Amino acid sequence: MLELKAWWITNLIMLILFGLTTVFLMMRRVDGTGAVQTTGDRLAAIGVLGVVLLVVVIIQLIRLALIRKRLH
């Protein structure tokens, strides 16, 4: 049961970090190289972040299935 609680806490932390990163990407005017960010650039950066999030979600769902299998 402790593993399941840790799984939920981990997902909550990742959700908060994803939200904060999205807000950061939308609010910044220039990126690390000094290039001015247009709306298209911001959406591309969020798209890359979304792909990474999708990979993490798939891994977390597999991990959840393994945790539930072990508990039952």
C-alpha atoms as a PDB file:
ATOM      1  CA  MET A   1       0.000   0.000   0.000  1.00  0.00           C
ATOM      2  CA  LEU A   2       2.931   2.291   0.682  1.00  0.00           C
ATOM      3  CA  GLU A   3       4.088   1.871  -2.924  1.00  0.00           C
ATOM      4  CA  LEU A   4       0.708   3.073  -4.197  1.00  0.00           C
ATOM      5  CA  LYS A   5       0.835   6.172  -1.990  1.00  0.00           C
ATOM      6  CA  ALA A   6       4.356   6.912  -3.201  1.00  0.00           C
ATOM      7  CA  TRP A   7       3.118   6.494  -6.792  1.00  0.00           C
ATOM      8  CA  TRP A   8       0.358   9.061  -6.232  1.00  0.00           C
ATOM      9  CA  ILE A   9       2.709  11.514  -4.531  1.00  0.00           C
ATOM     10  CA  THR A  10       5.217  11.154  -7.365  1.00  0.00           C
ATOM     11  CA  ASN A  11       2.516  11.815  -9.945  1.00  0.00           C
ATOM     12  CA  LEU A  12       1.236  14.847  -8.044  1.00  0.00           C
ATOM     13  CA  ILE A  13       4.742  16.323  -7.891  1.00  0.00           C
ATOM     14  CA  MET A  14       5.266  15.658 -11.607  1.00  0.00           C
ATOM     15  CA  LEU A  15       1.919  17.284 -12.439  1.00  0.00           C
ATOM     16  CA  ILE A  16       2.857  20.394 -10.465  1.00  0.00           C
ATOM     17  CA  LEU A  17       6.274  20.529 -12.173  1.00  0.00           C
ATOM     18  CA  PHE A  18       4.655  20.114 -15.587  1.00  0.00           C
ATOM     19  CA  GLY A  19       2.253  22.962 -14.852  1.00  0.00           C
ATOM     20  CA  LEU A  20       5.004  25.252 -13.587  1.00  0.00           C
ATOM     21  CA  THR A  21       7.197  24.448 -16.586  1.00  0.00           C
ATOM     22  CA  THR A  22       4.314  25.183 -18.962  1.00  0.00           C
ATOM     23  CA  VAL A  23       3.694  28.534 -17.287  1.00  0.00           C
ATOM     24  CA  PHE A  24       7.417  29.319 -17.466  1.00  0.00           C
ATOM     25  CA  LEU A  25       7.567  28.471 -21.169  1.00  0.00           C
ATOM     26  CA  MET A  26       4.556  30.662 -21.922  1.00  0.00           C
ATOM     27  CA  MET A  27       5.791  33.632 -19.880  1.00  0.00           C
ATOM     28  CA  ARG A  28       9.406  33.901 -21.029  1.00  0.00           C
ATOM     29  CA  ARG A  29      10.231  36.449 -23.695  1.00  0.00           C
ATOM     30  CA  VAL A  30      13.640  35.049 -24.739  1.00  0.00           C
ATOM     31  CA  ASP A  31      15.117  31.583 -24.477  1.00  0.00           C
ATOM     32  CA  GLY A  32      18.558  30.574 -23.203  1.00  0.00           C
ATOM     33  CA  THR A  33      20.245  31.505 -26.479  1.00  0.00           C
ATOM     34  CA  GLY A  34      18.747  34.996 -26.481  1.00  0.00           C
ATOM     35  CA  ALA A  35      16.264  34.297 -29.281  1.00  0.00           C
ATOM     36  CA  VAL A  36      12.949  36.107 -28.941  1.00  0.00           C
ATOM     37  CA  GLN A  37      10.122  33.639 -28.372  1.00  0.00           C
ATOM     38  CA  THR A  38       7.149  33.802 -30.708  1.00  0.00           C
ATOM     39  CA  THR A  39       3.865  32.036 -30.077  1.00  0.00           C
ATOM     40  CA  GLY A  40       4.919  29.274 -32.464  1.00  0.00           C
ATOM     41  CA  ASP A  41       8.203  28.780 -30.614  1.00  0.00           C
ATOM     42  CA  ARG A  42       6.380  28.586 -27.314  1.00  0.00           C
ATOM     43  CA  LEU A  43       3.888  26.053 -28.654  1.00  0.00           C
ATOM     44  CA  ALA A  44       6.728  23.955 -30.089  1.00  0.00           C
ATOM     45  CA  ALA A  45       8.474  23.943 -26.701  1.00  0.00           C
ATOM     46  CA  ILE A  46       5.235  22.923 -24.988  1.00  0.00           C
ATOM     47  CA  GLY A  47       4.741  20.216 -27.632  1.00  0.00           C
ATOM     48  CA  VAL A  48       8.161  18.767 -26.819  1.00  0.00           C
ATOM     49  CA  LEU A  49       7.289  18.922 -23.129  1.00  0.00           C
ATOM     50  CA  GLY A  50       4.011  17.141 -23.916  1.00  0.00           C
ATOM     51  CA  VAL A  51       5.818  14.308 -25.718  1.00  0.00           C
ATOM     52  CA  VAL A  52       8.105  13.857 -22.715  1.00  0.00           C
ATOM     53  CA  LEU A  53       5.049  13.883 -20.462  1.00  0.00           C
ATOM     54  CA  LEU A  54       3.398  11.216 -22.624  1.00  0.00           C
ATOM     55  CA  VAL A  55       6.433   8.947 -22.280  1.00  0.00           C
ATOM     56  CA  VAL A  56       6.435   9.472 -18.502  1.00  0.00           C
ATOM     57  CA  VAL A  57       2.683   8.741 -18.307  1.00  0.00           C
ATOM     58  CA  ILE A  58       3.141   5.466 -20.191  1.00  0.00           C
ATOM     59  CA  ILE A  59       5.964   4.451 -17.848  1.00  0.00           C
ATOM     60  CA  GLN A  60       3.871   5.393 -14.823  1.00  0.00           C
ATOM     61  CA  LEU A  61       0.886   3.372 -16.066  1.00  0.00           C
ATOM     62  CA  ILE A  62       3.116   0.328 -16.492  1.00  0.00           C
ATOM     63  CA  ARG A  63       4.487   0.917 -13.009  1.00  0.00           C
ATOM     64  CA  LEU A  64       0.927   1.199 -11.622  1.00  0.00           C
ATOM     65  CA  ALA A  65      -0.040  -2.094 -13.257  1.00  0.00           C
ATOM     66  CA  LEU A  66       2.963  -3.790 -11.670  1.00  0.00           C
ATOM     67  CA  ILE A  67       2.180  -2.314  -8.243  1.00  0.00           C
ATOM     68  CA  ARG A  68      -1.470  -3.422  -8.426  1.00  0.00           C
ATOM     69  CA  LYS A  69      -0.464  -6.883  -9.594  1.00  0.00           C
ATOM     70  CA  ARG A  70       1.897  -7.212  -6.638  1.00  0.00           C
ATOM     71  CA  LEU A  71      -0.790  -6.033  -4.183  1.00  0.00           C
ATOM     72  CA  HIS A  72      -3.496  -8.441  -5.387  1.00  0.00           C
END
